[in-house]
Amino acid sequence: MTRIDIVITILLVLCSLLLVESQHKNRRAYIELERAQQAEAKLQVQWNQLQLEQSRLTKTSLIAEAAARDLKMQGVVPARTLYLSEPAGVKP
């Protein structure tokens, strides 16, 4: 073999190794991308569930029911309402 044949063979082997390495890096990046997309999909589902739960928890009827049940609160009744008036001549 001549020198040129040896040089060409070495270059061919190096190019082949570089091609294999770049394909391997590409596959790893693709797998990482797929995992990130799956994680994004899971987070999106969780976000939607949290938004639904938040909208459910902010309903007035649910809040009033919880206040009556847990805090023993009662609605305003005019017979139990006490009105205060400011004395005449007193400035704030």
PDB file of N, CA and C in Angstrom:
ATOM      1  N   MET A   1       0.828  -1.180   0.000  1.00  0.00           N
ATOM      2  CA  MET A   1       0.000   0.000   0.000  1.00  0.00           C
ATOM      3  C   MET A   1       0.874   1.245   0.000  1.00  0.00           C
ATOM      4  N   THR A   2       0.385   2.213  -0.634  1.00  0.00           N
ATOM      5  CA  THR A   2       1.128   3.457  -0.691  1.00  0.00           C
ATOM      6  C   THR A   2       0.683   4.353   0.459  1.00  0.00           C
ATOM      7  N   ARG A   3       1.401   5.419   0.619  1.00  0.00           N
ATOM      8  CA  ARG A   3       1.077   6.373   1.689  1.00  0.00           C
ATOM      9  C   ARG A   3      -0.312   6.965   1.518  1.00  0.00           C
ATOM     10  N   ILE A   4      -0.670   7.249   0.330  1.00  0.00           N
ATOM     11  CA  ILE A   4      -1.975   7.854   0.076  1.00  0.00           C
ATOM     12  C   ILE A   4      -3.080   6.884   0.481  1.00  0.00           C
ATOM     13  N   ASP A   5      -2.887   5.614   0.188  1.00  0.00           N
ATOM     14  CA  ASP A   5      -3.889   4.617   0.575  1.00  0.00           C
ATOM     15  C   ASP A   5      -4.031   4.556   2.096  1.00  0.00           C
ATOM     16  N   ILE A   6      -2.930   4.619   2.808  1.00  0.00           N
ATOM     17  CA  ILE A   6      -2.966   4.573   4.283  1.00  0.00           C
ATOM     18  C   ILE A   6      -3.662   5.811   4.835  1.00  0.00           C
ATOM     19  N   VAL A   7      -3.328   6.976   4.296  1.00  0.00           N
ATOM     20  CA  VAL A   7      -3.946   8.227   4.742  1.00  0.00           C
ATOM     21  C   VAL A   7      -5.441   8.206   4.464  1.00  0.00           C
ATOM     22  N   ILE A   8      -5.830   7.759   3.290  1.00  0.00           N
ATOM     23  CA  ILE A   8      -7.245   7.695   2.938  1.00  0.00           C
ATOM     24  C   ILE A   8      -7.973   6.701   3.840  1.00  0.00           C
ATOM     25  N   THR A   9      -7.343   5.590   4.158  1.00  0.00           N
ATOM     26  CA  THR A   9      -7.957   4.593   5.043  1.00  0.00           C
ATOM     27  C   THR A   9      -8.151   5.167   6.445  1.00  0.00           C
ATOM     28  N   ILE A  10      -7.152   5.861   6.948  1.00  0.00           N
ATOM     29  CA  ILE A  10      -7.250   6.476   8.280  1.00  0.00           C
ATOM     30  C   ILE A  10      -8.350   7.534   8.293  1.00  0.00           C
ATOM     31  N   LEU A  11      -8.408   8.363   7.269  1.00  0.00           N
ATOM     32  CA  LEU A  11      -9.458   9.376   7.177  1.00  0.00           C
ATOM     33  C   LEU A  11     -10.846   8.744   7.084  1.00  0.00           C
ATOM     34  N   LEU A  12     -10.943   7.657   6.341  1.00  0.00           N
ATOM     35  CA  LEU A  12     -12.218   6.955   6.213  1.00  0.00           C
ATOM     36  C   LEU A  12     -12.667   6.383   7.559  1.00  0.00           C
ATOM     37  N   VAL A  13     -11.755   5.807   8.309  1.00  0.00           N
ATOM     38  CA  VAL A  13     -12.075   5.263   9.632  1.00  0.00           C
ATOM     39  C   VAL A  13     -12.484   6.394  10.575  1.00  0.00           C
ATOM     40  N   LEU A  14     -11.761   7.508  10.569  1.00  0.00           N
ATOM     41  CA  LEU A  14     -12.097   8.650  11.422  1.00  0.00           C
ATOM     42  C   LEU A  14     -13.472   9.217  11.082  1.00  0.00           C
ATOM     43  N   CYS A  15     -13.751   9.348   9.807  1.00  0.00           N
ATOM     44  CA  CYS A  15     -15.061   9.856   9.392  1.00  0.00           C
ATOM     45  C   CYS A  15     -16.170   8.904   9.817  1.00  0.00           C
ATOM     46  N   SER A  16     -15.915   7.609   9.714  1.00  0.00           N
ATOM     47  CA  SER A  16     -16.912   6.628  10.139  1.00  0.00           C
ATOM     48  C   SER A  16     -17.171   6.724  11.635  1.00  0.00           C
ATOM     49  N   LEU A  17     -16.118   6.862  12.426  1.00  0.00           N
ATOM     50  CA  LEU A  17     -16.274   6.996  13.880  1.00  0.00           C
ATOM     51  C   LEU A  17     -17.015   8.278  14.242  1.00  0.00           C
ATOM     52  N   LEU A  18     -16.697   9.362  13.549  1.00  0.00           N
ATOM     53  CA  LEU A  18     -17.393  10.618  13.808  1.00  0.00           C
ATOM     54  C   LEU A  18     -18.869  10.528  13.420  1.00  0.00           C
ATOM     55  N   LEU A  19     -19.176   9.823  12.359  1.00  0.00           N
ATOM     56  CA  LEU A  19     -20.555   9.636  11.948  1.00  0.00           C
ATOM     57  C   LEU A  19     -21.329   8.829  13.000  1.00  0.00           C
ATOM     58  N   VAL A  20     -20.726   7.778  13.504  1.00  0.00           N
ATOM     59  CA  VAL A  20     -21.372   6.960  14.525  1.00  0.00           C
ATOM     60  C   VAL A  20     -21.591   7.780  15.794  1.00  0.00           C
ATOM     61  N   GLU A  21     -20.601   8.570  16.181  1.00  0.00           N
ATOM     62  CA  GLU A  21     -20.726   9.402  17.381  1.00  0.00           C
ATOM     63  C   GLU A  21     -21.827  10.449  17.218  1.00  0.00           C
ATOM     64  N   SER A  22     -21.906  11.075  16.064  1.00  0.00           N
ATOM     65  CA  SER A  22     -22.939  12.097  15.860  1.00  0.00           C
ATOM     66  C   SER A  22     -24.339  11.459  15.846  1.00  0.00           C
ATOM     67  N   GLN A  23     -24.474  10.264  15.292  1.00  0.00           N
ATOM     68  CA  GLN A  23     -25.763   9.574  15.317  1.00  0.00           C
ATOM     69  C   GLN A  23     -26.158   9.221  16.750  1.00  0.00           C
ATOM     70  N   HIS A  24     -25.177   8.813  17.530  1.00  0.00           N
ATOM     71  CA  HIS A  24     -25.451   8.474  18.931  1.00  0.00           C
ATOM     72  C   HIS A  24     -25.902   9.712  19.711  1.00  0.00           C
ATOM     73  N   LYS A  25     -25.226  10.825  19.504  1.00  0.00           N
ATOM     74  CA  LYS A  25     -25.624  12.072  20.165  1.00  0.00           C
ATOM     75  C   LYS A  25     -27.023  12.490  19.731  1.00  0.00           C
ATOM     76  N   ASN A  26     -27.315  12.317  18.456  1.00  0.00           N
ATOM     77  CA  ASN A  26     -28.626  12.663  17.928  1.00  0.00           C
ATOM     78  C   ASN A  26     -29.711  11.801  18.582  1.00  0.00           C
ATOM     79  N   ARG A  27     -29.461  10.517  18.731  1.00  0.00           N
ATOM     80  CA  ARG A  27     -30.436   9.619  19.365  1.00  0.00           C
ATOM     81  C   ARG A  27     -30.652   9.996  20.824  1.00  0.00           C
ATOM     82  N   ARG A  28     -29.567  10.320  21.537  1.00  0.00           N
ATOM     83  CA  ARG A  28     -29.700  10.722  22.944  1.00  0.00           C
ATOM     84  C   ARG A  28     -30.502  12.015  23.060  1.00  0.00           C
ATOM     85  N   ALA A  29     -30.250  12.957  22.174  1.00  0.00           N
ATOM     86  CA  ALA A  29     -30.993  14.222  22.208  1.00  0.00           C
ATOM     87  C   ALA A  29     -32.465  13.985  21.898  1.00  0.00           C
ATOM     88  N   TYR A  30     -32.754  13.084  20.978  1.00  0.00           N
ATOM     89  CA  TYR A  30     -34.141  12.783  20.628  1.00  0.00           C
ATOM     90  C   TYR A  30     -34.863  12.120  21.799  1.00  0.00           C
ATOM     91  N   ILE A  31     -34.195  11.198  22.474  1.00  0.00           N
ATOM     92  CA  ILE A  31     -34.784  10.543  23.641  1.00  0.00           C
ATOM     93  C   ILE A  31     -35.047  11.563  24.742  1.00  0.00           C
ATOM     94  N   GLU A  32     -34.103  12.465  24.958  1.00  0.00           N
ATOM     95  CA  GLU A  32     -34.282  13.518  25.967  1.00  0.00           C
ATOM     96  C   GLU A  32     -35.450  14.430  25.594  1.00  0.00           C
ATOM     97  N   LEU A  33     -35.581  14.746  24.329  1.00  0.00           N
ATOM     98  CA  LEU A  33     -36.709  15.566  23.861  1.00  0.00           C
ATOM     99  C   LEU A  33     -38.034  14.854  24.108  1.00  0.00           C
ATOM    100  N   GLU A  34     -38.109  13.572  23.808  1.00  0.00           N
ATOM    101  CA  GLU A  34     -39.329  12.804  24.038  1.00  0.00           C
ATOM    102  C   GLU A  34     -39.690  12.791  25.527  1.00  0.00           C
ATOM    103  N   ARG A  35     -38.712  12.609  26.384  1.00  0.00           N
ATOM    104  CA  ARG A  35     -38.971  12.620  27.827  1.00  0.00           C
ATOM    105  C   ARG A  35     -39.469  13.981  28.284  1.00  0.00           C
ATOM    106  N   ALA A  36     -38.866  15.031  27.765  1.00  0.00           N
ATOM    107  CA  ALA A  36     -39.304  16.379  28.130  1.00  0.00           C
ATOM    108  C   ALA A  36     -40.728  16.642  27.653  1.00  0.00           C
ATOM    109  N   GLN A  37     -41.080  16.154  26.476  1.00  0.00           N
ATOM    110  CA  GLN A  37     -42.439  16.335  25.969  1.00  0.00           C
ATOM    111  C   GLN A  37     -43.446  15.546  26.803  1.00  0.00           C
ATOM    112  N   GLN A  38     -43.074  14.357  27.245  1.00  0.00           N
ATOM    113  CA  GLN A  38     -43.960  13.577  28.115  1.00  0.00           C
ATOM    114  C   GLN A  38     -44.157  14.281  29.457  1.00  0.00           C
ATOM    115  N   ALA A  39     -43.067  14.829  30.007  1.00  0.00           N
ATOM    116  CA  ALA A  39     -43.165  15.568  31.266  1.00  0.00           C
ATOM    117  C   ALA A  39     -44.043  16.804  31.087  1.00  0.00           C
ATOM    118  N   GLU A  40     -43.912  17.469  29.949  1.00  0.00           N
ATOM    119  CA  GLU A  40     -44.740  18.644  29.675  1.00  0.00           C
ATOM    120  C   GLU A  40     -46.221  18.264  29.612  1.00  0.00           C
ATOM    121  N   ALA A  41     -46.504  17.136  28.980  1.00  0.00           N
ATOM    122  CA  ALA A  41     -47.893  16.693  28.873  1.00  0.00           C
ATOM    123  C   ALA A  41     -48.472  16.392  30.260  1.00  0.00           C
ATOM    124  N   LYS A  42     -47.688  15.748  31.110  1.00  0.00           N
ATOM    125  CA  LYS A  42     -48.143  15.455  32.478  1.00  0.00           C
ATOM    126  C   LYS A  42     -48.390  16.742  33.254  1.00  0.00           C
ATOM    127  N   LEU A  43     -47.475  17.693  33.122  1.00  0.00           N
ATOM    128  CA  LEU A  43     -47.634  18.965  33.822  1.00  0.00           C
ATOM    129  C   LEU A  43     -48.842  19.735  33.312  1.00  0.00           C
ATOM    130  N   GLN A  44     -49.106  19.643  32.024  1.00  0.00           N
ATOM    131  CA  GLN A  44     -50.274  20.319  31.452  1.00  0.00           C
ATOM    132  C   GLN A  44     -51.566  19.722  32.006  1.00  0.00           C
ATOM    133  N   VAL A  45     -51.599  18.401  32.150  1.00  0.00           N
ATOM    134  CA  VAL A  45     -52.774  17.748  32.730  1.00  0.00           C
ATOM    135  C   VAL A  45     -52.962  18.193  34.181  1.00  0.00           C
ATOM    136  N   GLN A  46     -51.866  18.223  34.934  1.00  0.00           N
ATOM    137  CA  GLN A  46     -51.944  18.673  36.334  1.00  0.00           C
ATOM    138  C   GLN A  46     -52.418  20.120  36.411  1.00  0.00           C
ATOM    139  N   TRP A  47     -51.912  20.968  35.523  1.00  0.00           N
ATOM    140  CA  TRP A  47     -52.296  22.374  35.519  1.00  0.00           C
ATOM    141  C   TRP A  47     -53.795  22.518  35.253  1.00  0.00           C
ATOM    142  N   ASN A  48     -54.297  21.760  34.287  1.00  0.00           N
ATOM    143  CA  ASN A  48     -55.731  21.812  33.981  1.00  0.00           C
ATOM    144  C   ASN A  48     -56.566  21.335  35.161  1.00  0.00           C
ATOM    145  N   GLN A  49     -56.111  20.290  35.848  1.00  0.00           N
ATOM    146  CA  GLN A  49     -56.834  19.799  37.019  1.00  0.00           C
ATOM    147  C   GLN A  49     -56.834  20.840  38.130  1.00  0.00           C
ATOM    148  N   LEU A  50     -55.704  21.505  38.328  1.00  0.00           N
ATOM    149  CA  LEU A  50     -55.631  22.546  39.361  1.00  0.00           C
ATOM    150  C   LEU A  50     -56.536  23.730  39.027  1.00  0.00           C
ATOM    151  N   GLN A  51     -56.615  24.092  37.760  1.00  0.00           N
ATOM    152  CA  GLN A  51     -57.495  25.189  37.371  1.00  0.00           C
ATOM    153  C   GLN A  51     -58.965  24.815  37.601  1.00  0.00           C
ATOM    154  N   LEU A  52     -59.321  23.571  37.291  1.00  0.00           N
ATOM    155  CA  LEU A  52     -60.688  23.126  37.543  1.00  0.00           C
ATOM    156  C   LEU A  52     -60.999  23.129  39.037  1.00  0.00           C
ATOM    157  N   GLU A  53     -60.050  22.657  39.829  1.00  0.00           N
ATOM    158  CA  GLU A  53     -60.258  22.635  41.278  1.00  0.00           C
ATOM    159  C   GLU A  53     -60.372  24.052  41.832  1.00  0.00           C
ATOM    160  N   GLN A  54     -59.546  24.962  41.325  1.00  0.00           N
ATOM    161  CA  GLN A  54     -59.614  26.350  41.779  1.00  0.00           C
ATOM    162  C   GLN A  54     -60.960  26.971  41.428  1.00  0.00           C
ATOM    163  N   SER A  55     -61.449  26.732  40.229  1.00  0.00           N
ATOM    164  CA  SER A  55     -62.743  27.312  39.852  1.00  0.00           C
ATOM    165  C   SER A  55     -63.875  26.700  40.685  1.00  0.00           C
ATOM    166  N   ARG A  56     -63.748  25.422  41.025  1.00  0.00           N
ATOM    167  CA  ARG A  56     -64.760  24.783  41.869  1.00  0.00           C
ATOM    168  C   ARG A  56     -64.722  25.354  43.286  1.00  0.00           C
ATOM    169  N   LEU A  57     -63.518  25.582  43.805  1.00  0.00           N
ATOM    170  CA  LEU A  57     -63.392  26.070  45.178  1.00  0.00           C
ATOM    171  C   LEU A  57     -63.802  27.529  45.337  1.00  0.00           C
ATOM    172  N   THR A  58     -63.831  28.277  44.264  1.00  0.00           N
ATOM    173  CA  THR A  58     -64.191  29.690  44.366  1.00  0.00           C
ATOM    174  C   THR A  58     -65.680  29.944  44.168  1.00  0.00           C
ATOM    175  N   LYS A  59     -66.464  28.899  44.017  1.00  0.00           N
ATOM    176  CA  LYS A  59     -67.906  29.083  43.872  1.00  0.00           C
ATOM    177  C   LYS A  59     -68.482  29.581  45.192  1.00  0.00           C
ATOM    178  N   THR A  60     -69.351  30.553  45.110  1.00  0.00           N
ATOM    179  CA  THR A  60     -69.937  31.192  46.283  1.00  0.00           C
ATOM    180  C   THR A  60     -70.714  30.210  47.137  1.00  0.00           C
ATOM    181  N   SER A  61     -71.454  29.324  46.527  1.00  0.00           N
ATOM    182  CA  SER A  61     -72.258  28.376  47.302  1.00  0.00           C
ATOM    183  C   SER A  61     -71.377  27.444  48.120  1.00  0.00           C
ATOM    184  N   LEU A  62     -70.253  27.027  47.562  1.00  0.00           N
ATOM    185  CA  LEU A  62     -69.334  26.159  48.290  1.00  0.00           C
ATOM    186  C   LEU A  62     -68.706  26.892  49.470  1.00  0.00           C
ATOM    187  N   ILE A  63     -68.361  28.164  49.253  1.00  0.00           N
ATOM    188  CA  ILE A  63     -67.774  28.965  50.325  1.00  0.00           C
ATOM    189  C   ILE A  63     -68.790  29.194  51.438  1.00  0.00           C
ATOM    190  N   ALA A  64     -70.020  29.519  51.077  1.00  0.00           N
ATOM    191  CA  ALA A  64     -71.062  29.749  52.078  1.00  0.00           C
ATOM    192  C   ALA A  64     -71.352  28.469  52.861  1.00  0.00           C
ATOM    193  N   GLU A  65     -71.382  27.353  52.168  1.00  0.00           N
ATOM    194  CA  GLU A  65     -71.633  26.072  52.839  1.00  0.00           C
ATOM    195  C   GLU A  65     -70.509  25.735  53.814  1.00  0.00           C
ATOM    196  N   ALA A  66     -69.262  25.964  53.404  1.00  0.00           N
ATOM    197  CA  ALA A  66     -68.125  25.695  54.281  1.00  0.00           C
ATOM    198  C   ALA A  66     -68.129  26.638  55.481  1.00  0.00           C
ATOM    199  N   ALA A  67     -68.485  27.896  55.271  1.00  0.00           N
ATOM    200  CA  ALA A  67     -68.537  28.858  56.374  1.00  0.00           C
ATOM    201  C   ALA A  67     -69.602  28.455  57.385  1.00  0.00           C
ATOM    202  N   ALA A  68     -70.745  28.008  56.919  1.00  0.00           N
ATOM    203  CA  ALA A  68     -71.818  27.599  57.824  1.00  0.00           C
ATOM    204  C   ALA A  68     -71.451  26.305  58.550  1.00  0.00           C
ATOM    205  N   ARG A  69     -70.877  25.379  57.835  1.00  0.00           N
ATOM    206  CA  ARG A  69     -70.571  24.077  58.415  1.00  0.00           C
ATOM    207  C   ARG A  69     -69.357  24.131  59.338  1.00  0.00           C
ATOM    208  N   ASP A  70     -68.244  24.662  58.861  1.00  0.00           N
ATOM    209  CA  ASP A  70     -66.995  24.607  59.604  1.00  0.00           C
ATOM    210  C   ASP A  70     -66.859  25.730  60.628  1.00  0.00           C
ATOM    211  N   LEU A  71     -67.300  26.924  60.280  1.00  0.00           N
ATOM    212  CA  LEU A  71     -67.118  28.081  61.158  1.00  0.00           C
ATOM    213  C   LEU A  71     -68.369  28.434  61.948  1.00  0.00           C
ATOM    214  N   LYS A  72     -69.430  27.706  61.708  1.00  0.00           N
ATOM    215  CA  LYS A  72     -70.703  27.940  62.401  1.00  0.00           C
ATOM    216  C   LYS A  72     -71.207  29.369  62.174  1.00  0.00           C
ATOM    217  N   MET A  73     -70.976  29.880  60.981  1.00  0.00           N
ATOM    218  CA  MET A  73     -71.425  31.234  60.645  1.00  0.00           C
ATOM    219  C   MET A  73     -72.879  31.183  60.203  1.00  0.00           C
ATOM    220  N   GLN A  74     -73.576  32.289  60.414  1.00  0.00           N
ATOM    221  CA  GLN A  74     -74.980  32.383  60.033  1.00  0.00           C
ATOM    222  C   GLN A  74     -75.164  33.588  59.130  1.00  0.00           C
ATOM    223  N   GLY A  75     -76.241  33.550  58.376  1.00  0.00           N
ATOM    224  CA  GLY A  75     -76.545  34.667  57.496  1.00  0.00           C
ATOM    225  C   GLY A  75     -76.987  35.885  58.283  1.00  0.00           C
ATOM    226  N   VAL A  76     -76.966  37.042  57.646  1.00  0.00           N
ATOM    227  CA  VAL A  76     -77.362  38.287  58.287  1.00  0.00           C
ATOM    228  C   VAL A  76     -78.883  38.337  58.373  1.00  0.00           C
ATOM    229  N   VAL A  77     -79.371  38.587  59.586  1.00  0.00           N
ATOM    230  CA  VAL A  77     -80.809  38.692  59.831  1.00  0.00           C
ATOM    231  C   VAL A  77     -81.075  40.117  60.314  1.00  0.00           C
ATOM    232  N   PRO A  78     -82.024  40.837  59.730  1.00  0.00           N
ATOM    233  CA  PRO A  78     -82.266  42.227  60.133  1.00  0.00           C
ATOM    234  C   PRO A  78     -82.608  42.367  61.617  1.00  0.00           C
ATOM    235  N   ALA A  79     -83.235  41.370  62.220  1.00  0.00           N
ATOM    236  CA  ALA A  79     -83.596  41.464  63.637  1.00  0.00           C
ATOM    237  C   ALA A  79     -82.355  41.442  64.528  1.00  0.00           C
ATOM    238  N   ARG A  80     -81.268  40.856  64.047  1.00  0.00           N
ATOM    239  CA  ARG A  80     -80.056  40.765  64.862  1.00  0.00           C
ATOM    240  C   ARG A  80     -79.013  41.807  64.472  1.00  0.00           C
ATOM    241  N   THR A  81     -79.340  42.702  63.568  1.00  0.00           N
ATOM    242  CA  THR A  81     -78.395  43.710  63.103  1.00  0.00           C
ATOM    243  C   THR A  81     -78.439  44.921  64.026  1.00  0.00           C
ATOM    244  N   LEU A  82     -77.282  45.379  64.428  1.00  0.00           N
ATOM    245  CA  LEU A  82     -77.167  46.531  65.307  1.00  0.00           C
ATOM    246  C   LEU A  82     -76.577  47.681  64.489  1.00  0.00           C
ATOM    247  N   TYR A  83     -77.300  48.798  64.423  1.00  0.00           N
ATOM    248  CA  TYR A  83     -76.847  49.957  63.670  1.00  0.00           C
ATOM    249  C   TYR A  83     -76.283  50.980  64.641  1.00  0.00           C
ATOM    250  N   LEU A  84     -75.097  51.462  64.348  1.00  0.00           N
ATOM    251  CA  LEU A  84     -74.452  52.474  65.177  1.00  0.00           C
ATOM    252  C   LEU A  84     -74.438  53.787  64.421  1.00  0.00           C
ATOM    253  N   SER A  85     -74.631  54.842  65.156  1.00  0.00           N
ATOM    254  CA  SER A  85     -74.556  56.170  64.526  1.00  0.00           C
ATOM    255  C   SER A  85     -73.477  56.966  65.238  1.00  0.00           C
ATOM    256  N   GLU A  86     -72.899  57.861  64.501  1.00  0.00           N
ATOM    257  CA  GLU A  86     -71.802  58.684  65.017  1.00  0.00           C
ATOM    258  C   GLU A  86     -72.415  59.831  65.837  1.00  0.00           C
ATOM    259  N   PRO A  87     -71.878  60.077  67.044  1.00  0.00           N
ATOM    260  CA  PRO A  87     -72.403  61.189  67.853  1.00  0.00           C
ATOM    261  C   PRO A  87     -72.205  62.501  67.125  1.00  0.00           C
ATOM    262  N   ALA A  88     -73.134  63.418  67.327  1.00  0.00           N
ATOM    263  CA  ALA A  88     -73.073  64.731  66.682  1.00  0.00           C
ATOM    264  C   ALA A  88     -71.911  65.536  67.241  1.00  0.00           C
ATOM    265  N   GLY A  89     -71.223  66.232  66.380  1.00  0.00           N
ATOM    266  CA  GLY A  89     -70.138  67.119  66.798  1.00  0.00           C
ATOM    267  C   GLY A  89     -68.782  66.453  66.921  1.00  0.00           C
ATOM    268  N   VAL A  90     -68.656  65.179  66.726  1.00  0.00           N
ATOM    269  CA  VAL A  90     -67.371  64.492  66.829  1.00  0.00           C
ATOM    270  C   VAL A  90     -66.772  64.353  65.424  1.00  0.00           C
ATOM    271  N   LYS A  91     -65.534  64.852  65.303  1.00  0.00           N
ATOM    272  CA  LYS A  91     -64.856  64.781  64.008  1.00  0.00           C
ATOM    273  C   LYS A  91     -63.847  63.639  64.052  1.00  0.00           C
ATOM    274  N   PRO A  92     -63.726  62.948  62.966  1.00  0.00           N
ATOM    275  CA  PRO A  92     -62.780  61.820  62.935  1.00  0.00           C
ATOM    276  C   PRO A  92     -61.341  62.255  62.926  1.00  0.00           C
TER     277      PRO A  92
END
